[in-house]
Amino acid sequence: MTQEGRIAEICEIHAGREGPLLPILHDVQAELGCVDAAAEMQIANALNISRAEVRGVVSFYHDFSAEPDPRPVVQICRAEACKARGVEALMPSASAAAGERVRIDTVYCLGLCSVGPNARIGDDLHARLNGERLTRLIENA
């Protein structure tokens, strides 16, 4: 199926929802690996809004990218609770372990504040991280 066809299907799935833009964008990002300019235009047309409105949402949220990135992603929580539990001291070794092979994304709360520092790889959450555990997670991503 073409990209246009898949985006049309995703838009149709969410057609009856109130506020369908974010669910559509998340599904397009998950399915295609990005929300590019053509996808923004098609979504805007399907929702009868301007491309600028779609672009504004895409550019605001860090979950969306304009180009696919084939690297695995490790999201590291750097919110206040994880900072209080020492996440900042883990970041240099995390960056070194990631190199150019793994993308490190900062997120602000994974919902495990009492057991931080935390990270997410795909749908898997990892809590109570120290430098060694985080480095191992990144190396195995």
Protein backbone atom coordinates (compact mmCIF):
# COMPACT_ATOMS: atom_id res chain seq x y z
CA MET A 1 0.00 0.00 0.00
CA THR A 2 1.23 3.50 -0.78
CA GLN A 3 2.03 6.08 1.87
CA GLU A 4 -0.95 8.13 0.72
CA GLY A 5 -3.24 5.12 1.01
CA ARG A 6 -2.04 4.27 4.50
CA ILE A 7 -2.43 7.86 5.68
CA ALA A 8 -5.96 7.91 4.24
CA GLU A 9 -6.77 4.74 6.21
CA ILE A 10 -5.36 6.22 9.41
CA CYS A 11 -7.38 9.41 8.93
CA GLU A 12 -10.53 7.34 8.31
CA ILE A 13 -9.97 5.31 11.49
CA HIS A 14 -9.98 8.53 13.53
CA ALA A 15 -12.61 10.39 11.48
CA GLY A 16 -15.35 10.27 14.11
CA ARG A 17 -13.16 11.23 17.05
CA GLU A 18 -13.20 14.54 18.78
CA GLY A 19 -9.74 16.06 18.34
CA PRO A 20 -8.35 13.49 15.90
CA LEU A 21 -5.14 15.32 14.95
CA LEU A 22 -2.81 13.96 17.66
CA PRO A 23 -3.95 10.33 17.34
CA ILE A 24 -3.54 10.57 13.56
CA LEU A 25 -0.06 12.06 13.89
CA HIS A 26 1.01 9.38 16.37
CA ASP A 27 -0.26 6.61 14.09
CA VAL A 28 1.42 8.11 11.02
CA GLN A 29 4.71 8.51 12.90
CA ALA A 30 4.52 4.91 14.15
CA GLU A 31 3.57 3.51 10.74
CA LEU A 32 5.83 5.54 8.46
CA GLY A 33 8.63 6.58 10.80
CA CYS A 34 7.99 10.28 10.22
CA VAL A 35 5.40 12.93 9.43
CA ASP A 36 6.81 14.58 6.32
CA ALA A 37 5.46 17.57 4.38
CA ALA A 38 3.32 15.38 2.11
CA ALA A 39 1.77 13.65 5.12
CA GLU A 40 1.09 17.01 6.78
CA MET A 41 -0.73 18.21 3.67
CA GLN A 42 -2.79 15.04 3.35
CA ILE A 43 -3.76 15.11 7.04
CA ALA A 44 -4.67 18.80 6.79
CA ASN A 45 -6.90 18.11 3.79
CA ALA A 46 -8.56 15.15 5.51
CA LEU A 47 -9.31 17.25 8.62
CA ASN A 48 -10.20 20.41 6.68
CA ILE A 49 -7.56 22.46 8.47
CA SER A 50 -4.50 24.29 7.17
CA ARG A 51 -1.14 22.61 6.77
CA ALA A 52 0.22 25.34 9.06
CA GLU A 53 -2.01 24.04 11.85
CA VAL A 54 -0.72 20.50 11.34
CA ARG A 55 2.88 21.72 11.07
CA GLY A 56 2.48 23.70 14.29
CA VAL A 57 1.53 20.57 16.20
CA VAL A 58 4.22 18.43 14.52
CA SER A 59 6.93 20.98 15.30
CA PHE A 60 5.75 21.50 18.89
CA TYR A 61 5.92 17.87 20.02
CA HIS A 62 9.24 16.02 20.10
CA ASP A 63 7.51 12.72 19.30
CA PHE A 64 7.23 13.65 15.64
CA SER A 65 9.99 13.94 13.06
CA ALA A 66 9.99 15.14 9.46
CA GLU A 67 12.40 12.41 8.34
CA PRO A 68 12.65 8.76 9.34
CA ASP A 69 15.48 7.89 11.71
CA PRO A 70 16.35 4.19 11.59
CA ARG A 71 18.33 4.26 14.84
CA PRO A 72 16.87 2.71 17.99
CA VAL A 73 15.60 5.31 20.46
CA VAL A 74 16.25 5.38 24.18
CA GLN A 75 14.12 7.92 26.01
CA ILE A 76 15.62 9.09 29.29
CA CYS A 77 13.50 10.93 31.82
CA ARG A 78 15.09 14.17 32.94
CA ALA A 79 12.16 15.56 34.94
CA GLU A 80 12.62 16.87 38.46
CA ALA A 81 12.09 13.56 40.28
CA CYS A 82 14.66 11.76 38.12
CA LYS A 83 17.03 14.71 38.46
CA ALA A 84 16.71 14.44 42.24
CA ARG A 85 17.61 10.75 41.90
CA GLY A 86 20.76 11.46 39.88
CA VAL A 87 19.88 11.15 36.20
CA GLU A 88 22.14 14.04 35.21
CA ALA A 89 25.22 12.17 36.44
CA LEU A 90 24.27 9.30 34.08
CA MET A 91 23.99 11.40 30.92
CA PRO A 92 27.69 11.56 29.92
CA SER A 93 28.07 7.77 29.99
CA ALA A 94 24.69 7.36 28.25
CA SER A 95 25.79 9.68 25.44
CA ALA A 96 29.11 7.89 25.11
CA ALA A 97 27.40 4.48 24.95
CA ALA A 98 24.91 5.73 22.36
CA GLY A 99 27.44 7.31 20.03
CA GLU A 100 25.86 7.75 16.60
CA ARG A 101 24.21 4.30 16.65
CA VAL A 102 21.45 5.03 19.20
CA ARG A 103 19.34 8.17 19.50
CA ILE A 104 18.97 9.48 23.04
CA ASP A 105 15.77 11.48 23.55
CA THR A 106 15.03 13.48 26.66
CA VAL A 107 11.50 13.11 28.01
CA TYR A 108 9.92 14.81 30.98
CA CYS A 109 8.19 12.10 32.99
CA LEU A 110 7.63 8.46 32.28
CA GLY A 111 5.34 8.15 35.28
CA LEU A 112 7.72 6.21 37.52
CA CYS A 113 8.85 9.11 39.65
CA SER A 114 9.38 7.13 42.86
CA VAL A 115 11.74 4.63 41.19
CA GLY A 116 13.90 6.83 38.98
CA PRO A 117 16.04 7.40 37.09
CA ASN A 118 13.97 5.89 34.31
CA ALA A 119 14.24 5.15 30.62
CA ARG A 120 12.00 3.73 27.91
CA ILE A 121 12.97 1.68 24.90
CA GLY A 122 9.95 1.02 22.71
CA ASP A 123 7.17 0.00 25.10
CA ASP A 124 9.56 -1.25 27.79
CA LEU A 125 10.11 0.91 30.86
CA HIS A 126 13.27 0.56 32.94
CA ALA A 127 13.47 1.93 36.48
CA ARG A 128 16.09 2.40 39.20
CA LEU A 129 18.82 2.91 36.63
CA ASN A 130 22.43 3.43 37.50
CA GLY A 131 25.27 4.13 35.07
CA GLU A 132 26.04 0.47 34.42
CA ARG A 133 22.42 -0.59 33.82
CA LEU A 134 21.69 2.39 31.56
CA THR A 135 24.86 1.81 29.54
CA ARG A 136 23.95 -1.86 29.09
CA LEU A 137 20.41 -0.94 27.97
CA ILE A 138 21.78 1.49 25.40
CA GLU A 139 24.36 -0.97 24.11
CA ASN A 140 21.66 -3.62 23.69
CA ALA A 141 19.12 -1.28 22.05
